């Protein structure tokens, strides 16, 4: 199955969806957004990485920033923060460049490594887009965390790729239905920029029907 251009979802939504299905729906279905200090820091940190059109050469590495990517098989499109092309005799040719190259996506995150797989899933989706566009394997990539200024290498294993496919299939089903899940309050709600719009503390209380039923019972 292939998705048309009008069916493509935002690649960046994978991270929202992995963090919280409701957060993803509020952003991508209901078009709600609200900044907090975390999102502001993240945007500032990404400005340099997303300087589209910048091309650097460092020895055997060609660095391209803000590279647009798409996969009609997965039904997503977006941008890679950075894609390094490493010179390698087993790689592919690039327009306007000599030699052969292997793509290596690098995603920038302003915080620290997380237990949640969201960052790895987003990076893997970028690698899968590159594989489809360039017709070559992308065996690994890296997550660069601003807090410790270090890279974390991520192998593009089959298990991770399958998780990306399953998540995107669920995202497409939810998008097609236009469905926003009910709130499931957790500790993660405190870090969400949409907390004031989602109102997890309010929505976890009794529903309006339960409230009316209770009020009627109290008047009897």
N, C-alpha and C. Protein backbone atom coordinates (compact mmCIF):
# COMPACT_ATOMS: atom_id res chain seq x y z
N UNK A 1 0.84 -1.21 0.00
CA UNK A 1 0.00 0.00 0.00
C UNK A 1 0.87 1.25 0.00
N UNK A 2 0.46 2.22 -0.79
CA UNK A 2 1.15 3.51 -0.79
C UNK A 2 0.15 4.62 -0.50
N UNK A 3 0.59 5.61 0.26
CA UNK A 3 -0.25 6.74 0.63
C UNK A 3 -0.03 7.89 -0.37
N UNK A 4 -1.10 8.61 -0.66
CA UNK A 4 -1.00 9.78 -1.52
C UNK A 4 -0.45 10.96 -0.75
N UNK A 5 -0.07 12.01 -1.48
CA UNK A 5 0.50 13.20 -0.84
C UNK A 5 -0.44 13.79 0.19
N UNK A 6 -1.75 13.74 -0.08
CA UNK A 6 -2.72 14.33 0.84
C UNK A 6 -2.92 13.50 2.10
N UNK A 7 -2.38 12.29 2.12
CA UNK A 7 -2.53 11.41 3.28
C UNK A 7 -1.30 11.38 4.18
N UNK A 8 -0.25 12.09 3.78
CA UNK A 8 1.00 12.04 4.54
C UNK A 8 0.86 12.71 5.90
N UNK A 9 1.35 12.05 6.93
CA UNK A 9 1.38 12.59 8.28
C UNK A 9 2.75 13.18 8.56
N UNK A 10 2.82 14.07 9.56
CA UNK A 10 4.08 14.68 9.92
C UNK A 10 4.97 13.67 10.64
N UNK A 11 6.20 13.53 10.17
CA UNK A 11 7.14 12.60 10.78
C UNK A 11 7.38 12.94 12.25
N UNK A 12 7.45 14.22 12.55
CA UNK A 12 7.70 14.65 13.93
C UNK A 12 6.60 14.20 14.88
N UNK A 13 5.41 13.89 14.32
CA UNK A 13 4.30 13.46 15.16
C UNK A 13 4.54 12.12 15.84
N UNK A 14 5.51 11.34 15.32
CA UNK A 14 5.82 10.05 15.94
C UNK A 14 6.23 10.24 17.38
N UNK A 15 7.02 11.28 17.64
CA UNK A 15 7.46 11.52 19.02
C UNK A 15 6.28 11.90 19.91
N UNK A 16 5.38 12.76 19.40
CA UNK A 16 4.19 13.12 20.17
C UNK A 16 3.34 11.89 20.45
N UNK A 17 3.15 11.07 19.44
CA UNK A 17 2.29 9.90 19.56
C UNK A 17 2.86 8.89 20.57
N UNK A 18 4.17 8.72 20.54
CA UNK A 18 4.82 7.79 21.46
C UNK A 18 4.72 8.30 22.89
N UNK A 19 4.84 9.61 23.07
CA UNK A 19 4.75 10.22 24.40
C UNK A 19 3.34 10.14 24.95
N UNK A 20 2.34 10.46 24.09
CA UNK A 20 0.95 10.46 24.55
C UNK A 20 0.04 10.53 23.32
N UNK A 21 -0.83 9.54 23.15
CA UNK A 21 -1.76 9.53 22.01
C UNK A 21 -2.65 10.76 22.01
N UNK A 22 -3.08 11.17 23.19
CA UNK A 22 -3.97 12.34 23.27
C UNK A 22 -3.22 13.61 22.87
N UNK A 23 -1.97 13.75 23.30
CA UNK A 23 -1.18 14.92 22.91
C UNK A 23 -1.06 15.00 21.40
N UNK A 24 -0.77 13.87 20.77
CA UNK A 24 -0.66 13.84 19.30
C UNK A 24 -1.96 14.29 18.65
N UNK A 25 -3.09 13.78 19.14
CA UNK A 25 -4.38 14.13 18.56
C UNK A 25 -4.71 15.61 18.75
N UNK A 26 -4.40 16.16 19.91
CA UNK A 26 -4.66 17.58 20.15
C UNK A 26 -3.85 18.45 19.19
N UNK A 27 -2.61 18.03 18.90
CA UNK A 27 -1.75 18.82 18.00
C UNK A 27 -2.11 18.60 16.54
N UNK A 28 -2.24 17.34 16.13
CA UNK A 28 -2.34 17.02 14.71
C UNK A 28 -3.78 16.87 14.19
N UNK A 29 -4.72 16.67 15.09
CA UNK A 29 -6.13 16.59 14.68
C UNK A 29 -6.88 17.88 15.02
N UNK A 30 -6.66 18.38 16.23
CA UNK A 30 -7.39 19.58 16.68
C UNK A 30 -6.57 20.85 16.50
N UNK A 31 -5.32 20.70 16.06
CA UNK A 31 -4.44 21.85 15.74
C UNK A 31 -4.27 22.79 16.93
N UNK A 32 -4.07 22.21 18.10
CA UNK A 32 -3.83 22.98 19.31
C UNK A 32 -2.33 22.95 19.62
N UNK A 33 -1.82 24.06 20.11
CA UNK A 33 -0.41 24.11 20.49
C UNK A 33 -0.21 25.19 21.55
N UNK A 34 0.71 24.94 22.44
CA UNK A 34 1.04 25.91 23.48
C UNK A 34 2.49 25.70 23.88
N UNK A 35 3.24 26.77 23.94
CA UNK A 35 4.66 26.68 24.28
C UNK A 35 4.85 26.62 25.79
N UNK A 36 5.91 25.95 26.21
CA UNK A 36 6.41 26.09 27.57
C UNK A 36 7.92 26.20 27.48
N UNK A 37 8.60 26.28 28.62
CA UNK A 37 10.05 26.51 28.56
C UNK A 37 10.78 25.36 27.88
N UNK A 38 10.23 24.14 27.97
CA UNK A 38 10.87 22.99 27.33
C UNK A 38 10.80 23.10 25.81
N UNK A 39 9.62 23.44 25.29
CA UNK A 39 9.47 23.53 23.84
C UNK A 39 10.26 24.72 23.29
N UNK A 40 10.33 25.82 24.05
CA UNK A 40 11.09 26.98 23.62
C UNK A 40 12.57 26.66 23.54
N UNK A 41 13.10 25.98 24.58
CA UNK A 41 14.51 25.58 24.55
C UNK A 41 14.78 24.65 23.37
N UNK A 42 13.85 23.72 23.12
CA UNK A 42 14.02 22.79 22.01
C UNK A 42 14.06 23.49 20.67
N UNK A 43 13.18 24.48 20.49
CA UNK A 43 13.16 25.23 19.22
C UNK A 43 14.46 26.00 18.99
N UNK A 44 14.97 26.62 20.05
CA UNK A 44 16.23 27.35 19.92
C UNK A 44 17.38 26.40 19.60
N UNK A 45 17.37 25.24 20.23
CA UNK A 45 18.45 24.27 20.02
C UNK A 45 18.45 23.75 18.59
N UNK A 46 17.26 23.65 17.98
CA UNK A 46 17.14 23.09 16.63
C UNK A 46 17.45 24.11 15.52
N UNK A 47 17.51 25.39 15.84
CA UNK A 47 17.69 26.40 14.78
C UNK A 47 18.96 26.17 13.98
N UNK A 48 20.04 25.87 14.66
CA UNK A 48 21.30 25.65 13.96
C UNK A 48 21.24 24.38 13.12
N UNK A 49 20.70 23.32 13.71
CA UNK A 49 20.64 22.04 13.00
C UNK A 49 19.75 22.12 11.78
N UNK A 50 18.69 22.93 11.85
CA UNK A 50 17.73 23.02 10.75
C UNK A 50 18.04 24.14 9.76
N UNK A 51 19.28 24.60 9.74
CA UNK A 51 19.67 25.65 8.80
C UNK A 51 19.72 25.04 7.40
N UNK A 52 18.55 24.92 6.79
CA UNK A 52 18.43 24.24 5.50
C UNK A 52 19.33 24.87 4.45
N UNK A 53 19.93 24.04 3.64
CA UNK A 53 20.78 24.53 2.58
C UNK A 53 22.25 24.55 2.95
N UNK A 54 22.54 24.48 4.25
CA UNK A 54 23.94 24.45 4.67
C UNK A 54 24.56 23.10 4.33
N UNK A 55 25.71 23.14 3.70
CA UNK A 55 26.41 21.91 3.35
C UNK A 55 27.86 22.06 3.79
N UNK A 56 28.31 21.13 4.58
CA UNK A 56 29.68 21.16 5.07
C UNK A 56 30.41 19.89 4.64
N UNK A 57 31.70 20.02 4.53
CA UNK A 57 32.52 18.85 4.23
C UNK A 57 33.63 18.76 5.29
N UNK A 58 33.67 17.64 5.96
CA UNK A 58 34.69 17.41 6.97
C UNK A 58 35.37 16.08 6.67
N UNK A 59 36.49 16.16 5.98
CA UNK A 59 37.20 14.94 5.61
C UNK A 59 36.36 14.06 4.70
N UNK A 60 36.07 12.86 5.16
CA UNK A 60 35.27 11.91 4.38
C UNK A 60 33.78 11.99 4.69
N UNK A 61 33.36 13.10 5.29
CA UNK A 61 31.95 13.26 5.65
C UNK A 61 31.36 14.51 5.03
N UNK A 62 30.23 14.34 4.37
CA UNK A 62 29.46 15.46 3.81
C UNK A 62 28.24 15.65 4.70
N UNK A 63 28.03 16.88 5.18
CA UNK A 63 26.95 17.16 6.15
C UNK A 63 25.89 18.05 5.50
N UNK A 64 24.65 17.58 5.51
CA UNK A 64 23.52 18.35 4.96
C UNK A 64 22.48 18.55 6.07
N UNK A 65 22.02 19.77 6.24
CA UNK A 65 21.09 20.12 7.32
C UNK A 65 19.69 20.39 6.76
N UNK A 66 18.69 20.07 7.57
CA UNK A 66 17.31 20.34 7.18
C UNK A 66 16.89 19.63 5.92
N UNK A 67 17.30 18.39 5.76
CA UNK A 67 17.00 17.64 4.53
C UNK A 67 15.56 17.13 4.54
N UNK A 68 14.73 17.52 3.56
CA UNK A 68 13.35 17.02 3.48
C UNK A 68 13.35 15.53 3.13
N UNK A 69 12.48 14.77 3.81
CA UNK A 69 12.36 13.35 3.53
C UNK A 69 10.89 12.97 3.45
N UNK A 70 10.63 11.87 2.75
CA UNK A 70 9.25 11.40 2.60
C UNK A 70 9.25 9.90 2.37
N UNK A 71 8.19 9.25 2.83
CA UNK A 71 7.96 7.84 2.54
C UNK A 71 6.49 7.66 2.23
N UNK A 72 6.17 7.30 0.99
CA UNK A 72 4.78 7.05 0.63
C UNK A 72 4.35 5.66 1.09
N UNK A 73 5.31 4.82 1.41
CA UNK A 73 4.97 3.50 1.95
C UNK A 73 4.52 3.62 3.40
N UNK A 74 5.23 4.46 4.18
CA UNK A 74 4.86 4.68 5.58
C UNK A 74 3.80 5.77 5.72
N UNK A 75 3.72 6.65 4.72
CA UNK A 75 2.74 7.73 4.78
C UNK A 75 3.17 8.89 5.66
N UNK A 76 4.46 9.27 5.58
CA UNK A 76 4.97 10.38 6.39
C UNK A 76 5.89 11.26 5.57
N UNK A 77 6.05 12.50 6.04
CA UNK A 77 7.03 13.41 5.45
C UNK A 77 7.53 14.33 6.55
N UNK A 78 8.71 14.89 6.34
CA UNK A 78 9.27 15.78 7.34
C UNK A 78 10.66 16.21 6.97
N UNK A 79 11.45 16.53 7.99
CA UNK A 79 12.82 16.97 7.79
C UNK A 79 13.74 16.23 8.75
N UNK A 80 14.94 15.96 8.29
CA UNK A 80 15.99 15.44 9.17
C UNK A 80 16.80 16.64 9.67
N UNK A 81 17.11 16.66 10.96
CA UNK A 81 17.95 17.73 11.48
C UNK A 81 19.26 17.78 10.69
N UNK A 82 19.96 16.64 10.68
CA UNK A 82 21.23 16.53 9.98
C UNK A 82 21.33 15.15 9.35
N UNK A 83 21.82 15.09 8.12
CA UNK A 83 22.17 13.81 7.52
C UNK A 83 23.64 13.89 7.11
N UNK A 84 24.43 13.03 7.70
CA UNK A 84 25.83 12.93 7.31
C UNK A 84 25.94 11.86 6.23
N UNK A 85 26.69 12.16 5.20
CA UNK A 85 26.97 11.16 4.17
C UNK A 85 28.45 10.78 4.30
N UNK A 86 28.69 9.54 4.71
CA UNK A 86 30.05 9.06 4.91
C UNK A 86 30.57 8.41 3.63
N UNK A 87 31.75 8.82 3.20
CA UNK A 87 32.34 8.25 2.00
C UNK A 87 32.63 6.77 2.24
N UNK A 88 32.10 5.93 1.33
CA UNK A 88 32.24 4.48 1.50
C UNK A 88 32.10 3.80 0.13
N UNK A 89 33.00 2.89 -0.21
CA UNK A 89 32.93 2.24 -1.53
C UNK A 89 31.68 1.40 -1.74
N UNK A 90 30.96 1.07 -0.67
CA UNK A 90 29.72 0.29 -0.79
C UNK A 90 28.48 1.18 -0.79
N UNK A 91 28.69 2.49 -0.85
CA UNK A 91 27.57 3.42 -0.77
C UNK A 91 26.92 3.73 -2.11
N UNK A 92 26.25 4.87 -2.18
CA UNK A 92 25.51 5.29 -3.37
C UNK A 92 26.13 6.59 -3.91
N UNK A 93 25.81 6.89 -5.15
CA UNK A 93 26.29 8.15 -5.73
C UNK A 93 25.32 9.27 -5.39
N UNK A 94 25.86 10.48 -5.27
CA UNK A 94 25.07 11.67 -4.99
C UNK A 94 25.25 12.67 -6.11
N UNK A 95 24.18 13.33 -6.47
CA UNK A 95 24.22 14.31 -7.55
C UNK A 95 25.22 15.42 -7.23
N UNK A 96 26.15 15.63 -8.14
CA UNK A 96 27.14 16.69 -7.98
C UNK A 96 28.31 16.33 -7.10
N UNK A 97 28.36 15.09 -6.64
CA UNK A 97 29.45 14.66 -5.76
C UNK A 97 30.18 13.46 -6.36
N UNK A 98 31.47 13.41 -6.11
CA UNK A 98 32.26 12.26 -6.54
C UNK A 98 32.18 11.17 -5.48
N UNK A 99 32.66 10.02 -5.80
CA UNK A 99 32.74 8.89 -4.86
C UNK A 99 31.36 8.37 -4.49
N UNK A 100 31.32 7.46 -3.54
CA UNK A 100 30.08 6.84 -3.07
C UNK A 100 29.89 7.14 -1.58
N UNK A 101 28.61 7.18 -1.17
CA UNK A 101 28.31 7.67 0.18
C UNK A 101 27.23 6.83 0.85
N UNK A 102 27.32 6.74 2.19
CA UNK A 102 26.30 6.07 3.00
C UNK A 102 25.65 7.11 3.91
N UNK A 103 24.30 7.23 3.87
CA UNK A 103 23.61 8.23 4.71
C UNK A 103 23.58 7.82 6.18
N UNK A 104 23.69 8.82 7.04
CA UNK A 104 23.72 8.60 8.48
C UNK A 104 22.93 9.74 9.15
N UNK A 105 21.65 9.53 9.48
CA UNK A 105 20.84 10.61 10.08
C UNK A 105 21.24 10.88 11.53
N UNK A 106 21.21 12.16 11.89
CA UNK A 106 21.50 12.58 13.26
C UNK A 106 20.38 13.51 13.72
N UNK A 107 19.69 13.12 14.78
CA UNK A 107 18.58 13.91 15.33
C UNK A 107 19.07 14.63 16.59
N UNK A 108 18.80 15.93 16.66
CA UNK A 108 19.24 16.74 17.79
C UNK A 108 18.12 16.87 18.83
N UNK A 109 18.46 16.62 20.09
CA UNK A 109 17.53 16.78 21.21
C UNK A 109 18.19 17.63 22.28
N UNK A 110 17.45 18.60 22.81
CA UNK A 110 18.08 19.54 23.74
C UNK A 110 18.23 18.98 25.15
N UNK A 111 17.52 17.91 25.48
CA UNK A 111 17.53 17.37 26.84
C UNK A 111 18.55 16.26 27.04
N UNK A 112 18.09 15.23 27.75
CA UNK A 112 18.93 14.07 28.05
C UNK A 112 18.28 12.81 27.49
N UNK A 113 19.03 11.71 27.35
CA UNK A 113 18.43 10.46 26.89
C UNK A 113 17.26 10.03 27.75
N UNK A 114 16.23 9.46 27.11
CA UNK A 114 15.00 9.10 27.81
C UNK A 114 14.80 7.58 27.78
N UNK A 115 14.04 7.10 28.76
CA UNK A 115 13.65 5.70 28.75
C UNK A 115 12.60 5.45 27.68
N UNK A 116 11.72 6.43 27.48
CA UNK A 116 10.70 6.34 26.44
C UNK A 116 11.37 6.19 25.07
N UNK A 117 10.89 5.30 24.20
CA UNK A 117 11.54 5.07 22.90
C UNK A 117 11.24 6.12 21.84
N UNK A 118 10.55 7.21 22.21
CA UNK A 118 10.10 8.20 21.22
C UNK A 118 11.22 8.71 20.33
N UNK A 119 12.36 9.06 20.90
CA UNK A 119 13.46 9.62 20.11
C UNK A 119 13.99 8.59 19.11
N UNK A 120 14.14 7.34 19.57
CA UNK A 120 14.66 6.29 18.70
C UNK A 120 13.68 5.98 17.57
N UNK A 121 12.39 6.01 17.87
CA UNK A 121 11.37 5.76 16.85
C UNK A 121 11.39 6.85 15.78
N UNK A 122 11.53 8.11 16.21
CA UNK A 122 11.56 9.22 15.26
C UNK A 122 12.79 9.11 14.36
N UNK A 123 13.94 8.80 14.95
CA UNK A 123 15.17 8.66 14.17
C UNK A 123 15.06 7.49 13.19
N UNK A 124 14.49 6.39 13.65
CA UNK A 124 14.34 5.22 12.79
C UNK A 124 13.42 5.53 11.62
N UNK A 125 12.36 6.30 11.85
CA UNK A 125 11.46 6.69 10.76
C UNK A 125 12.20 7.52 9.72
N UNK A 126 13.10 8.40 10.18
CA UNK A 126 13.91 9.18 9.24
C UNK A 126 14.78 8.25 8.39
N UNK A 127 15.40 7.27 9.05
CA UNK A 127 16.26 6.32 8.33
C UNK A 127 15.46 5.53 7.31
N UNK A 128 14.24 5.14 7.66
CA UNK A 128 13.40 4.38 6.74
C UNK A 128 12.99 5.24 5.54
N UNK A 129 12.76 6.52 5.76
CA UNK A 129 12.47 7.43 4.65
C UNK A 129 13.68 7.53 3.72
N UNK A 130 14.86 7.67 4.30
CA UNK A 130 16.08 7.78 3.50
C UNK A 130 16.31 6.50 2.68
N UNK A 131 16.04 5.36 3.30
CA UNK A 131 16.20 4.10 2.58
C UNK A 131 15.29 4.04 1.36
N UNK A 132 14.05 4.50 1.53
CA UNK A 132 13.09 4.46 0.43
C UNK A 132 13.45 5.47 -0.66
N UNK A 133 13.91 6.65 -0.26
CA UNK A 133 14.23 7.70 -1.23
C UNK A 133 15.51 7.41 -2.00
N UNK A 134 16.51 6.88 -1.29
CA UNK A 134 17.84 6.71 -1.89
C UNK A 134 18.11 5.28 -2.35
N UNK A 135 17.18 4.38 -2.03
CA UNK A 135 17.32 2.98 -2.43
C UNK A 135 18.64 2.38 -1.94
N UNK A 136 18.88 2.57 -0.65
CA UNK A 136 20.08 2.01 -0.04
C UNK A 136 19.81 1.76 1.44
N UNK A 137 20.52 0.82 2.06
CA UNK A 137 20.33 0.57 3.48
C UNK A 137 20.90 1.70 4.33
N UNK A 138 20.22 1.97 5.46
CA UNK A 138 20.72 2.93 6.44
C UNK A 138 20.83 2.15 7.76
N UNK A 139 21.97 1.56 8.01
CA UNK A 139 22.11 0.63 9.14
C UNK A 139 22.06 1.26 10.52
N UNK A 140 22.43 2.55 10.63
CA UNK A 140 22.39 3.19 11.94
C UNK A 140 22.34 4.70 11.80
N UNK A 141 22.04 5.35 12.92
CA UNK A 141 22.03 6.80 13.01
C UNK A 141 22.41 7.18 14.42
N UNK A 142 22.20 8.44 14.79
CA UNK A 142 22.59 8.86 16.13
C UNK A 142 21.65 9.93 16.66
N UNK A 143 21.49 9.96 17.98
CA UNK A 143 20.77 11.01 18.69
C UNK A 143 21.80 11.85 19.43
N UNK A 144 21.78 13.16 19.18
CA UNK A 144 22.71 14.06 19.85
C UNK A 144 21.93 14.83 20.91
N UNK A 145 22.32 14.66 22.17
CA UNK A 145 21.63 15.31 23.29
C UNK A 145 22.42 16.53 23.77
N UNK A 146 21.73 17.67 23.81
CA UNK A 146 22.38 18.91 24.18
C UNK A 146 22.84 18.97 25.62
N UNK A 147 22.16 18.25 26.51
CA UNK A 147 22.49 18.32 27.93
C UNK A 147 23.89 17.78 28.22
N UNK A 148 24.24 16.68 27.56
CA UNK A 148 25.57 16.10 27.80
C UNK A 148 26.51 16.25 26.60
N UNK A 149 26.00 16.86 25.51
CA UNK A 149 26.80 17.11 24.31
C UNK A 149 27.42 15.83 23.77
N UNK A 150 26.65 14.76 23.80
CA UNK A 150 27.16 13.47 23.33
C UNK A 150 26.16 12.82 22.39
N UNK A 151 26.70 11.94 21.55
CA UNK A 151 25.86 11.17 20.64
C UNK A 151 25.54 9.80 21.25
N UNK A 152 24.35 9.36 20.93
CA UNK A 152 23.94 8.01 21.28
C UNK A 152 23.63 7.28 19.97
N UNK A 153 24.44 6.28 19.64
CA UNK A 153 24.28 5.56 18.38
C UNK A 153 23.05 4.65 18.46
N UNK A 154 22.24 4.65 17.41
CA UNK A 154 21.02 3.85 17.36
C UNK A 154 21.07 2.91 16.14
N UNK A 155 21.24 1.61 16.36
CA UNK A 155 21.18 0.66 15.24
C UNK A 155 19.73 0.55 14.75
N UNK A 156 19.55 0.50 13.44
CA UNK A 156 18.21 0.41 12.86
C UNK A 156 17.79 -1.07 12.75
N UNK A 157 17.52 -1.64 13.90
CA UNK A 157 17.20 -3.06 13.97
C UNK A 157 15.77 -3.32 13.48
N UNK A 158 15.51 -4.56 13.06
CA UNK A 158 14.19 -4.94 12.55
C UNK A 158 13.10 -4.68 13.59
N UNK A 159 13.41 -4.96 14.85
CA UNK A 159 12.41 -4.76 15.90
C UNK A 159 11.98 -3.30 15.99
N UNK A 160 12.95 -2.39 15.88
CA UNK A 160 12.65 -0.96 15.94
C UNK A 160 11.88 -0.53 14.69
N UNK A 161 12.26 -1.03 13.53
CA UNK A 161 11.55 -0.70 12.30
C UNK A 161 10.10 -1.19 12.33
N UNK A 162 9.89 -2.39 12.86
CA UNK A 162 8.52 -2.92 12.97
C UNK A 162 7.69 -2.08 13.92
N UNK A 163 8.32 -1.58 14.99
CA UNK A 163 7.60 -0.72 15.94
C UNK A 163 7.17 0.57 15.26
N UNK A 164 8.02 1.11 14.38
CA UNK A 164 7.68 2.32 13.64
C UNK A 164 6.49 2.05 12.72
N UNK A 165 6.52 0.94 12.00
CA UNK A 165 5.42 0.60 11.08
C UNK A 165 4.10 0.45 11.83
N UNK A 166 4.12 -0.27 12.96
CA UNK A 166 2.90 -0.50 13.74
C UNK A 166 2.36 0.81 14.28
N UNK A 167 3.25 1.69 14.75
CA UNK A 167 2.81 2.97 15.30
C UNK A 167 2.19 3.84 14.21
N UNK A 168 2.80 3.87 13.03
CA UNK A 168 2.28 4.70 11.95
C UNK A 168 0.94 4.17 11.44
N UNK A 169 0.76 2.86 11.43
CA UNK A 169 -0.53 2.30 11.04
C UNK A 169 -1.61 2.75 12.02
N UNK A 170 -1.28 2.75 13.31
CA UNK A 170 -2.24 3.22 14.32
C UNK A 170 -2.51 4.71 14.16
N UNK A 171 -1.47 5.49 13.87
CA UNK A 171 -1.64 6.93 13.67
C UNK A 171 -2.55 7.21 12.48
N UNK A 172 -2.37 6.48 11.39
CA UNK A 172 -3.22 6.69 10.20
C UNK A 172 -4.67 6.31 10.49
N UNK A 173 -4.87 5.23 11.24
CA UNK A 173 -6.25 4.84 11.59
C UNK A 173 -6.91 5.92 12.43
N UNK A 174 -6.18 6.44 13.41
CA UNK A 174 -6.74 7.46 14.29
C UNK A 174 -6.99 8.76 13.54
N UNK A 175 -6.07 9.09 12.62
CA UNK A 175 -6.23 10.32 11.84
C UNK A 175 -7.45 10.22 10.93
N UNK A 176 -7.63 9.06 10.31
CA UNK A 176 -8.75 8.85 9.41
C UNK A 176 -10.08 8.97 10.15
N UNK A 177 -10.11 8.46 11.38
CA UNK A 177 -11.33 8.54 12.20
C UNK A 177 -11.53 9.92 12.81
N UNK A 178 -10.46 10.71 12.88
CA UNK A 178 -10.53 12.00 13.55
C UNK A 178 -10.75 11.84 15.04
N UNK A 179 -10.15 10.81 15.60
CA UNK A 179 -10.43 10.43 16.99
C UNK A 179 -9.39 10.99 17.95
N UNK A 180 -9.85 11.70 18.98
CA UNK A 180 -8.98 12.17 20.07
C UNK A 180 -9.23 11.31 21.29
N UNK A 181 -8.23 10.55 21.75
CA UNK A 181 -8.42 9.65 22.91
C UNK A 181 -8.73 10.41 24.18
N UNK A 182 -9.36 9.72 25.12
CA UNK A 182 -9.62 10.30 26.42
C UNK A 182 -8.31 10.42 27.19
N UNK A 183 -8.30 11.30 28.16
CA UNK A 183 -7.10 11.53 28.94
C UNK A 183 -6.79 10.34 29.85
N UNK A 184 -5.50 10.03 29.98
CA UNK A 184 -5.02 9.04 30.93
C UNK A 184 -3.92 9.70 31.75
N UNK A 185 -4.29 10.38 32.83
CA UNK A 185 -3.31 11.16 33.61
C UNK A 185 -2.14 10.31 34.10
N UNK A 186 -0.95 10.90 34.02
CA UNK A 186 0.26 10.25 34.52
C UNK A 186 1.24 11.34 34.93
N UNK A 187 2.39 10.93 35.45
CA UNK A 187 3.42 11.89 35.85
C UNK A 187 3.91 12.69 34.64
N UNK A 188 3.84 12.08 33.46
CA UNK A 188 4.32 12.76 32.25
C UNK A 188 3.49 14.00 31.93
N UNK A 189 2.27 14.09 32.44
CA UNK A 189 1.41 15.25 32.16
C UNK A 189 2.05 16.56 32.64
N UNK A 190 2.83 16.48 33.71
CA UNK A 190 3.44 17.69 34.26
C UNK A 190 4.47 18.31 33.31
N UNK A 191 5.03 17.50 32.42
CA UNK A 191 6.04 18.00 31.48
C UNK A 191 5.44 18.40 30.14
N UNK A 192 4.14 18.23 29.96
CA UNK A 192 3.49 18.47 28.67
C UNK A 192 3.12 19.93 28.51
N UNK A 193 3.46 20.51 27.37
CA UNK A 193 3.14 21.92 27.11
C UNK A 193 1.64 22.15 26.93
N UNK A 194 0.89 21.06 26.66
CA UNK A 194 -0.55 21.18 26.44
C UNK A 194 -1.37 20.90 27.70
N UNK A 195 -0.70 20.86 28.84
CA UNK A 195 -1.39 20.52 30.08
C UNK A 195 -2.60 21.41 30.34
N UNK A 196 -2.47 22.71 30.09
CA UNK A 196 -3.57 23.64 30.37
C UNK A 196 -4.70 23.51 29.35
N UNK A 197 -4.40 22.96 28.18
CA UNK A 197 -5.44 22.74 27.16
C UNK A 197 -6.08 21.37 27.32
N UNK A 198 -5.29 20.40 27.73
CA UNK A 198 -5.77 19.03 27.90
C UNK A 198 -6.58 18.87 29.18
N UNK A 199 -6.17 19.60 30.24
CA UNK A 199 -6.83 19.55 31.55
C UNK A 199 -6.94 18.12 32.09
N UNK A 200 -5.84 17.43 32.26
CA UNK A 200 -5.90 16.04 32.73
C UNK A 200 -6.51 15.88 34.11
N UNK A 201 -6.25 16.84 35.01
CA UNK A 201 -6.79 16.73 36.36
C UNK A 201 -8.30 16.85 36.36
N UNK A 202 -8.84 17.71 35.46
CA UNK A 202 -10.28 17.91 35.38
C UNK A 202 -10.96 16.73 34.71
N UNK A 203 -10.37 16.25 33.61
CA UNK A 203 -11.02 15.21 32.81
C UNK A 203 -10.98 13.84 33.46
N UNK A 204 -10.12 13.65 34.47
CA UNK A 204 -10.09 12.35 35.13
C UNK A 204 -11.17 12.23 36.18
N UNK A 205 -11.87 13.33 36.45
CA UNK A 205 -12.95 13.31 37.42
C UNK A 205 -14.20 12.69 36.79
N UNK A 206 -15.28 12.70 37.55
CA UNK A 206 -16.54 12.13 37.05
C UNK A 206 -16.98 12.84 35.78
N UNK A 207 -17.62 12.12 34.89
CA UNK A 207 -18.16 12.71 33.68
C UNK A 207 -19.36 13.58 34.03
N UNK A 208 -19.82 14.41 33.09
CA UNK A 208 -20.96 15.28 33.35
C UNK A 208 -22.21 14.47 33.67
N UNK A 209 -22.36 13.31 33.00
CA UNK A 209 -23.53 12.46 33.26
C UNK A 209 -23.49 11.94 34.70
N UNK A 210 -22.32 11.52 35.14
CA UNK A 210 -22.19 11.04 36.51
C UNK A 210 -22.44 12.16 37.51
N UNK A 211 -21.95 13.37 37.15
CA UNK A 211 -22.14 14.53 38.02
C UNK A 211 -23.62 14.85 38.18
N UNK A 212 -24.37 14.84 37.05
CA UNK A 212 -25.80 15.15 37.12
C UNK A 212 -26.55 14.08 37.91
N UNK A 213 -26.18 12.84 37.71
CA UNK A 213 -26.82 11.75 38.43
C UNK A 213 -26.61 11.91 39.92
N UNK A 214 -25.37 12.24 40.30
CA UNK A 214 -25.07 12.43 41.72
C UNK A 214 -25.83 13.61 42.29
N UNK A 215 -25.92 14.70 41.50
CA UNK A 215 -26.62 15.90 41.98
C UNK A 215 -28.11 15.62 42.19
N UNK A 216 -28.73 14.84 41.28
CA UNK A 216 -30.13 14.50 41.40
C UNK A 216 -30.38 13.62 42.63
N UNK A 217 -29.48 12.71 42.86
CA UNK A 217 -29.61 11.82 44.01
C UNK A 217 -29.54 12.60 45.31
N UNK A 218 -28.68 13.63 45.31
CA UNK A 218 -28.52 14.42 46.53
C UNK A 218 -29.73 15.29 46.84
N UNK A 219 -30.55 15.60 45.80
CA UNK A 219 -31.73 16.45 46.00
C UNK A 219 -32.98 15.68 46.41
N UNK A 220 -32.88 14.32 46.25
CA UNK A 220 -34.03 13.49 46.58
C UNK A 220 -34.18 13.36 48.10
